[in-house]
């Protein structure tokens, strides 16, 4: 591990302890967003420095570890050094790593980890809430109550309906389990097909999506953003869906061609949609998306339950314990794929 001096100019040569450099010499750089992470456990073990988008580039060469706490920022990708020193480990407290790649996939060995496991259940609960709200027309009920109108309607039965869940990672699986508990039949879609999945029997490849969506009552996107998945929900895909189908995106805004979704809703080619992620965030007040009938918009909050920031900080600190002990880190991202594989080929060394 490379040591850095406090004044950044004259590096000292620390004494090895049990084969490792003393962790007080380790510099942890935090790209901040409010509120700040709770890193009290690092006291006496590492020097913690803070940066924003303006100062990050100057501080990166002196950091051993980068915690990209402001995971909605593109600053890491924009400031990433070329041939110079850089952190050996970068952690993002988010499931997606698209704001870090492809710059960090430069062949120089920086390990990238993510927040896999933190958001699985909260996002699944959010999706189930959306599906229930749309199936039971809660929005219509609220609007009629606001108008003081008594109008009986029939709603949609979830049991026996069919959902295509695009994304077979932990979040997609948790969504599938939650919907399955309500009697919804699941078609799970992943990067590649698997005919012997222990839980769902079969995982369809992404190439099968055009064949699956015509039978789906619910299409849920929670896929990682890659070059292949960008824009996959376009006019052609919406045209394949049932007129009674609902679409939910909790993956990335770039998965959807938003103008095509608007056109599909306005033409009643699909029944409704919910977007928790948008191509541009925050969504400008001038966007036409605000006023589209049948479209529910939420501000990228599906995974954010009370205490979620503390959970993210604890996850990073647990991984830092591994880094300090020279143990393999958890949630190591395959930078070629853009996500954590279900069965990683090789654990990455922590030090």
Protein backbone atom coordinates (compact mmCIF):
# COMPACT_ATOMS: atom_id res chain seq x y z
CA UNK A 1 0.00 0.00 0.00
CA UNK A 2 1.36 3.43 -0.85
CA UNK A 3 1.81 5.89 2.01
CA UNK A 4 1.14 9.62 1.65
CA UNK A 5 2.50 12.39 3.84
CA UNK A 6 0.34 14.94 5.57
CA UNK A 7 1.75 17.83 3.51
CA UNK A 8 1.53 15.85 0.22
CA UNK A 9 5.08 16.90 -0.75
CA UNK A 10 7.70 14.87 1.19
CA UNK A 11 6.45 11.28 1.60
CA UNK A 12 7.69 9.43 4.65
CA UNK A 13 8.59 5.75 4.75
CA UNK A 14 6.40 4.12 7.43
CA UNK A 15 7.44 1.05 9.37
CA UNK A 16 5.71 -2.18 8.40
CA UNK A 17 3.52 -3.79 11.07
CA UNK A 18 2.67 -7.47 10.57
CA UNK A 19 3.36 -7.04 6.89
CA UNK A 20 1.01 -4.06 6.45
CA UNK A 21 1.52 -0.32 6.54
CA UNK A 22 0.01 1.32 9.65
CA UNK A 23 -3.53 2.38 8.78
CA UNK A 24 -2.95 5.84 10.24
CA UNK A 25 -1.00 6.45 7.04
CA UNK A 26 -3.98 5.53 4.88
CA UNK A 27 -5.78 8.49 3.32
CA UNK A 28 -9.52 8.11 2.84
CA UNK A 29 -10.91 10.78 0.56
CA UNK A 30 -14.66 11.43 0.70
CA UNK A 31 -16.56 13.04 -2.15
CA UNK A 32 -19.21 14.65 -0.02
CA UNK A 33 -22.92 15.14 -0.24
CA UNK A 34 -25.16 16.23 2.62
CA UNK A 35 -25.51 14.84 5.18
CA UNK A 36 -21.96 13.60 5.65
CA UNK A 37 -21.29 9.91 6.33
CA UNK A 38 -20.59 8.78 9.88
CA UNK A 39 -16.98 7.59 9.80
CA UNK A 40 -16.13 7.67 13.52
CA UNK A 41 -14.72 4.14 13.35
CA UNK A 42 -11.86 5.43 11.20
CA UNK A 43 -10.49 7.63 14.02
CA UNK A 44 -6.84 6.72 14.63
CA UNK A 45 -6.82 4.33 11.69
CA UNK A 46 -6.90 6.64 8.67
CA UNK A 47 -6.68 10.27 7.69
CA UNK A 48 -10.06 11.36 6.33
CA UNK A 49 -10.15 14.19 3.86
CA UNK A 50 -13.13 15.73 2.10
CA UNK A 51 -13.52 17.02 -1.42
CA UNK A 52 -16.19 18.42 -3.67
CA UNK A 53 -16.42 18.43 -7.45
CA UNK A 54 -14.15 21.48 -7.60
CA UNK A 55 -11.32 20.11 -5.43
CA UNK A 56 -11.52 16.38 -6.17
CA UNK A 57 -9.03 16.33 -9.05
CA UNK A 58 -6.24 17.87 -6.96
CA UNK A 59 -6.77 15.49 -4.04
CA UNK A 60 -7.23 12.17 -5.88
CA UNK A 61 -3.47 11.48 -6.33
CA UNK A 62 -2.98 11.53 -2.53
CA UNK A 63 -5.81 9.15 -1.62
CA UNK A 64 -5.56 5.43 -0.98
CA UNK A 65 -9.32 4.99 -0.75
CA UNK A 66 -12.08 7.08 -2.31
CA UNK A 67 -15.59 7.02 -0.87
CA UNK A 68 -17.79 8.59 -3.55
CA UNK A 69 -20.47 9.53 -1.02
CA UNK A 70 -22.05 11.93 -3.52
CA UNK A 71 -22.99 9.04 -5.80
CA UNK A 72 -25.14 11.22 -8.06
CA UNK A 73 -22.11 13.26 -9.08
CA UNK A 74 -20.08 12.69 -12.25
CA UNK A 75 -17.04 14.29 -10.58
CA UNK A 76 -15.06 11.04 -10.14
CA UNK A 77 -15.24 10.13 -13.79
CA UNK A 78 -14.37 13.68 -14.85
CA UNK A 79 -11.46 14.04 -12.40
CA UNK A 80 -9.96 10.56 -12.71
CA UNK A 81 -6.17 10.77 -13.22
CA UNK A 82 -4.56 9.66 -16.45
CA UNK A 83 -1.16 8.08 -15.79
CA UNK A 84 -0.61 9.50 -12.31
CA UNK A 85 -1.27 8.08 -8.83
CA UNK A 86 -4.84 7.23 -7.96
CA UNK A 87 -6.80 5.48 -5.18
CA UNK A 88 -6.44 1.72 -5.10
CA UNK A 89 -10.05 1.28 -3.98
CA UNK A 90 -13.14 3.28 -4.92
CA UNK A 91 -16.46 2.66 -3.19
CA UNK A 92 -19.78 4.06 -4.38
CA UNK A 93 -22.75 3.90 -1.98
CA UNK A 94 -25.11 3.10 -4.83
CA UNK A 95 -26.10 -0.02 -6.71
CA UNK A 96 -25.22 1.43 -10.12
CA UNK A 97 -21.65 2.30 -11.12
CA UNK A 98 -22.38 4.01 -14.42
CA UNK A 99 -21.18 7.36 -13.03
CA UNK A 100 -17.73 5.80 -12.50
CA UNK A 101 -17.26 3.83 -15.69
CA UNK A 102 -15.66 3.56 -18.19
CA UNK A 103 -12.87 5.84 -16.90
CA UNK A 104 -12.09 3.61 -13.89
CA UNK A 105 -11.82 0.58 -16.17
CA UNK A 106 -8.38 1.64 -17.31
CA UNK A 107 -6.49 -1.58 -16.64
CA UNK A 108 -4.52 -0.18 -13.70
CA UNK A 109 -6.07 -2.30 -10.99
CA UNK A 110 -8.30 0.07 -9.01
CA UNK A 111 -10.92 -2.01 -7.19
CA UNK A 112 -14.49 -0.69 -7.38
CA UNK A 113 -17.13 -1.77 -4.87
CA UNK A 114 -20.80 -0.81 -4.59
CA UNK A 115 -23.74 -0.86 -2.17
CA UNK A 116 -25.18 -4.16 -3.29
CA UNK A 117 -27.58 -5.51 -0.67
CA UNK A 118 -28.64 -2.23 0.94
CA UNK A 119 -31.47 -1.30 -1.39
CA UNK A 120 -32.90 -4.70 -2.33
CA UNK A 121 -35.87 -4.88 0.04
CA UNK A 122 -36.75 -1.15 0.07
CA UNK A 123 -36.91 -1.02 -3.73
CA UNK A 124 -38.94 -4.23 -3.84
CA UNK A 125 -41.42 -2.75 -1.37
CA UNK A 126 -41.61 0.43 -3.44
CA UNK A 127 -42.29 -1.48 -6.65
CA UNK A 128 -44.99 -3.56 -4.95
CA UNK A 129 -46.52 -0.33 -3.68
CA UNK A 130 -46.57 1.08 -7.21
CA UNK A 131 -48.06 -2.10 -8.67
CA UNK A 132 -50.77 -2.22 -6.01
CA UNK A 133 -51.55 1.47 -6.45
CA UNK A 134 -51.91 1.10 -10.20
CA UNK A 135 -53.86 -2.18 -10.04
CA UNK A 136 -56.31 -0.78 -7.49
CA UNK A 137 -56.47 2.72 -9.00
CA UNK A 138 -55.61 4.48 -5.76
CA UNK A 139 -54.86 7.65 -7.70
CA UNK A 140 -58.36 7.62 -9.18
CA UNK A 141 -59.88 7.01 -5.77
CA UNK A 142 -58.00 9.94 -4.27
CA UNK A 143 -58.97 12.21 -7.14
CA UNK A 144 -62.66 11.28 -6.87
CA UNK A 145 -62.52 11.84 -3.11
CA UNK A 146 -61.00 15.26 -3.72
CA UNK A 147 -63.93 16.02 -6.04
CA UNK A 148 -66.44 14.57 -3.50
CA UNK A 149 -67.68 12.13 -6.13
CA UNK A 150 -68.98 8.64 -5.33
CA UNK A 151 -68.20 6.46 -8.35
CA UNK A 152 -67.92 2.70 -8.12
CA UNK A 153 -65.27 1.06 -10.30
CA UNK A 154 -63.74 -2.35 -10.88
CA UNK A 155 -60.01 -2.79 -10.32
CA UNK A 156 -57.38 -5.20 -11.55
CA UNK A 157 -56.61 -8.50 -9.77
CA UNK A 158 -52.93 -9.08 -9.14
CA UNK A 159 -53.14 -12.81 -8.49
CA UNK A 160 -52.69 -14.59 -11.78
CA UNK A 161 -51.27 -11.58 -13.58
CA UNK A 162 -47.82 -11.71 -15.18
CA UNK A 163 -44.73 -9.58 -14.64
CA UNK A 164 -41.57 -9.34 -16.69
CA UNK A 165 -38.76 -8.20 -14.38
CA UNK A 166 -35.73 -6.96 -16.31
CA UNK A 167 -32.65 -7.37 -14.13
CA UNK A 168 -31.78 -10.66 -12.42
CA UNK A 169 -29.47 -9.27 -9.74
CA UNK A 170 -30.35 -9.05 -6.04
CA UNK A 171 -32.81 -6.18 -6.46
CA UNK A 172 -34.61 -7.81 -9.39
CA UNK A 173 -34.84 -11.06 -7.47
CA UNK A 174 -36.22 -9.35 -4.38
CA UNK A 175 -38.84 -7.57 -6.51
CA UNK A 176 -39.73 -10.90 -8.09
CA UNK A 177 -40.11 -12.58 -4.69
CA UNK A 178 -42.37 -9.82 -3.43
CA UNK A 179 -44.60 -9.96 -6.50
CA UNK A 180 -44.62 -13.74 -6.41
CA UNK A 181 -46.01 -13.56 -2.87
CA UNK A 182 -49.00 -11.68 -4.29
CA UNK A 183 -49.67 -14.43 -6.82
CA UNK A 184 -47.99 -12.69 -9.76
CA UNK A 185 -46.29 -15.00 -12.25
CA UNK A 186 -42.71 -13.94 -12.94
CA UNK A 187 -40.55 -13.91 -16.05
CA UNK A 188 -37.09 -12.91 -14.87
CA UNK A 189 -34.73 -11.44 -17.46
CA UNK A 190 -30.95 -11.28 -17.12
CA UNK A 191 -27.92 -10.65 -19.30
CA UNK A 192 -27.73 -14.30 -20.31
CA UNK A 193 -30.21 -17.18 -20.23
CA UNK A 194 -30.05 -19.82 -17.50
CA UNK A 195 -32.33 -22.85 -17.57
CA UNK A 196 -31.57 -24.14 -14.09
CA UNK A 197 -32.04 -21.21 -11.75
CA UNK A 198 -32.50 -22.57 -8.21
CA UNK A 199 -35.21 -20.06 -7.30
CA UNK A 200 -37.09 -19.12 -10.47
CA UNK A 201 -36.40 -22.15 -12.61
CA UNK A 202 -35.42 -20.14 -15.63
CA UNK A 203 -33.82 -16.79 -16.31
CA UNK A 204 -34.46 -15.42 -19.79
CA UNK A 205 -31.80 -13.59 -21.75
CA UNK A 206 -32.26 -9.93 -22.62
CA UNK A 207 -32.69 -11.02 -26.23
CA UNK A 208 -35.99 -12.65 -25.23
CA UNK A 209 -37.49 -9.37 -23.97
CA UNK A 210 -39.43 -8.57 -27.18
CA UNK A 211 -41.07 -12.00 -26.95
CA UNK A 212 -41.93 -11.69 -23.25
CA UNK A 213 -43.43 -8.20 -23.00
CA UNK A 214 -46.56 -8.91 -25.12
CA UNK A 215 -47.78 -11.28 -22.36
CA UNK A 216 -46.81 -9.06 -19.42
CA UNK A 217 -49.27 -7.08 -17.33
CA UNK A 218 -46.34 -5.48 -15.50
CA UNK A 219 -42.94 -4.68 -16.99
CA UNK A 220 -40.41 -3.71 -14.32
CA UNK A 221 -36.94 -2.45 -15.24
CA UNK A 222 -34.20 -2.70 -12.62
CA UNK A 223 -31.29 -3.55 -14.93
CA UNK A 224 -27.80 -2.06 -14.60
CA UNK A 225 -27.02 0.62 -17.14
CA UNK A 226 -24.69 -0.66 -19.84
CA UNK A 227 -24.11 0.17 -23.48
CA UNK A 228 -26.48 -2.67 -24.38
CA UNK A 229 -29.30 -1.67 -22.03
CA UNK A 230 -29.38 2.07 -22.76
CA UNK A 231 -32.58 3.01 -24.60
CA UNK A 232 -33.94 -0.53 -24.63
CA UNK A 233 -37.45 0.68 -23.79
CA UNK A 234 -38.31 2.59 -26.93
CA UNK A 235 -41.29 3.01 -29.25
CA UNK A 236 -40.89 -0.51 -30.64
CA UNK A 237 -40.82 -2.09 -27.17
CA UNK A 238 -43.83 -0.10 -25.93
CA UNK A 239 -45.73 -1.05 -29.09
CA UNK A 240 -45.25 -4.72 -28.21
CA UNK A 241 -46.89 -4.34 -24.79
CA UNK A 242 -50.54 -4.92 -23.97
CA UNK A 243 -52.80 -1.89 -24.00
CA UNK A 244 -53.57 -2.79 -20.37
CA UNK A 245 -49.90 -3.11 -19.38
CA UNK A 246 -48.08 -0.94 -16.86
CA UNK A 247 -44.38 -0.08 -17.01
CA UNK A 248 -42.18 0.66 -13.97
CA UNK A 249 -38.57 1.87 -14.11
CA UNK A 250 -36.43 1.81 -10.97
CA UNK A 251 -33.19 1.09 -12.86
CA UNK A 252 -31.70 4.09 -14.66
CA UNK A 253 -33.38 6.87 -16.57
CA UNK A 254 -31.27 6.14 -19.64
CA UNK A 255 -33.01 2.78 -20.05
CA UNK A 256 -36.06 4.60 -21.41
CA UNK A 257 -36.55 6.76 -24.48
CA UNK A 258 -38.76 9.19 -22.61
CA UNK A 259 -40.41 10.78 -25.63
CA UNK A 260 -41.43 7.32 -26.83
CA UNK A 261 -42.97 6.54 -23.43
CA UNK A 262 -44.90 9.81 -23.49
CA UNK A 263 -46.21 9.04 -26.97
CA UNK A 264 -47.25 5.53 -25.88
CA UNK A 265 -49.18 6.88 -22.90
CA UNK A 266 -50.85 9.68 -24.84
CA UNK A 267 -51.91 7.24 -27.58
CA UNK A 268 -53.15 4.73 -24.91
CA UNK A 269 -50.82 2.05 -26.26
CA UNK A 270 -50.12 1.15 -22.62
CA UNK A 271 -52.27 1.75 -19.55
CA UNK A 272 -49.79 3.51 -17.26
CA UNK A 273 -46.22 3.93 -16.10
CA UNK A 274 -44.14 4.93 -13.09
CA UNK A 275 -40.64 6.40 -13.26
CA UNK A 276 -38.46 6.68 -10.18
CA UNK A 277 -35.41 7.46 -12.31
CA UNK A 278 -35.21 10.03 -15.09
CA UNK A 279 -32.73 10.83 -17.81
CA UNK A 280 -32.26 14.28 -16.28
CA UNK A 281 -32.35 14.63 -12.50
CA UNK A 282 -33.73 16.77 -10.94
CA UNK A 283 -36.47 16.82 -13.56
CA UNK A 284 -36.82 20.38 -14.90
CA UNK A 285 -40.12 22.10 -14.14
CA UNK A 286 -40.51 22.66 -17.88
CA UNK A 287 -40.45 18.92 -18.71
CA UNK A 288 -43.55 17.56 -20.42
CA UNK A 289 -43.30 14.45 -18.24
CA UNK A 290 -44.97 16.26 -15.32
CA UNK A 291 -48.30 16.49 -17.13
CA UNK A 292 -48.59 13.12 -18.89
CA UNK A 293 -51.81 11.28 -17.94
CA UNK A 294 -51.16 7.86 -16.44
CA UNK A 295 -47.54 8.63 -15.51
CA UNK A 296 -46.36 8.69 -11.89
CA UNK A 297 -43.01 10.39 -11.25
CA UNK A 298 -40.97 10.12 -8.06
CA UNK A 299 -37.57 11.75 -7.34
CA UNK A 300 -35.22 8.73 -7.31
CA UNK A 301 -36.36 7.64 -3.85
CA UNK A 302 -37.42 4.00 -4.21
CA UNK A 303 -34.51 2.66 -2.13
CA UNK A 304 -34.26 5.47 0.41
CA UNK A 305 -35.87 4.48 3.69
CA UNK A 306 -35.30 6.06 7.11
CA UNK A 307 -31.70 5.36 8.18
CA UNK A 308 -30.42 4.39 4.73
CA UNK A 309 -27.37 6.66 4.92
CA UNK A 310 -26.28 5.07 8.18
CA UNK A 311 -26.63 1.64 6.57
CA UNK A 312 -24.45 2.78 3.67
CA UNK A 313 -21.77 4.14 6.00
CA UNK A 314 -21.72 0.89 8.02
CA UNK A 315 -21.35 -1.13 4.83
CA UNK A 316 -18.34 0.95 3.78
CA UNK A 317 -16.76 0.69 7.23
CA UNK A 318 -17.21 -3.09 7.30
CA UNK A 319 -15.42 -3.27 3.97
CA UNK A 320 -12.71 -0.96 5.30
CA UNK A 321 -12.14 -3.47 8.12
CA UNK A 322 -11.46 -6.03 5.41
CA UNK A 323 -9.13 -3.62 3.61
CA UNK A 324 -7.20 -3.05 6.84
CA UNK A 325 -6.89 -6.79 7.48
CA UNK A 326 -5.82 -7.56 3.92
CA UNK A 327 -8.96 -9.62 3.32
CA UNK A 328 -10.97 -9.78 0.07
CA UNK A 329 -13.47 -6.93 -0.29
CA UNK A 330 -17.16 -7.64 -0.79
CA UNK A 331 -19.32 -6.28 -3.61
CA UNK A 332 -16.45 -6.02 -6.07
CA UNK A 333 -17.72 -4.74 -9.42
CA UNK A 334 -16.69 -6.41 -12.64
CA UNK A 335 -15.77 -3.22 -14.49
CA UNK A 336 -16.24 -4.87 -17.89
CA UNK A 337 -19.80 -5.88 -17.05
CA UNK A 338 -20.68 -2.81 -14.98
CA UNK A 339 -22.06 -4.70 -11.97
CA UNK A 340 -21.21 -7.27 -9.29
CA UNK A 341 -21.47 -10.76 -10.81
CA UNK A 342 -23.55 -13.30 -8.93
CA UNK A 343 -20.47 -15.53 -8.71
CA UNK A 344 -17.35 -13.35 -8.99
CA UNK A 345 -14.48 -15.00 -10.76
CA UNK A 346 -11.82 -13.89 -8.27
CA UNK A 347 -12.08 -11.98 -4.97
CA UNK A 348 -10.15 -8.73 -5.05
CA UNK A 349 -7.48 -8.31 -2.40
CA UNK A 350 -8.15 -5.64 0.17
CA UNK A 351 -4.54 -4.55 0.44
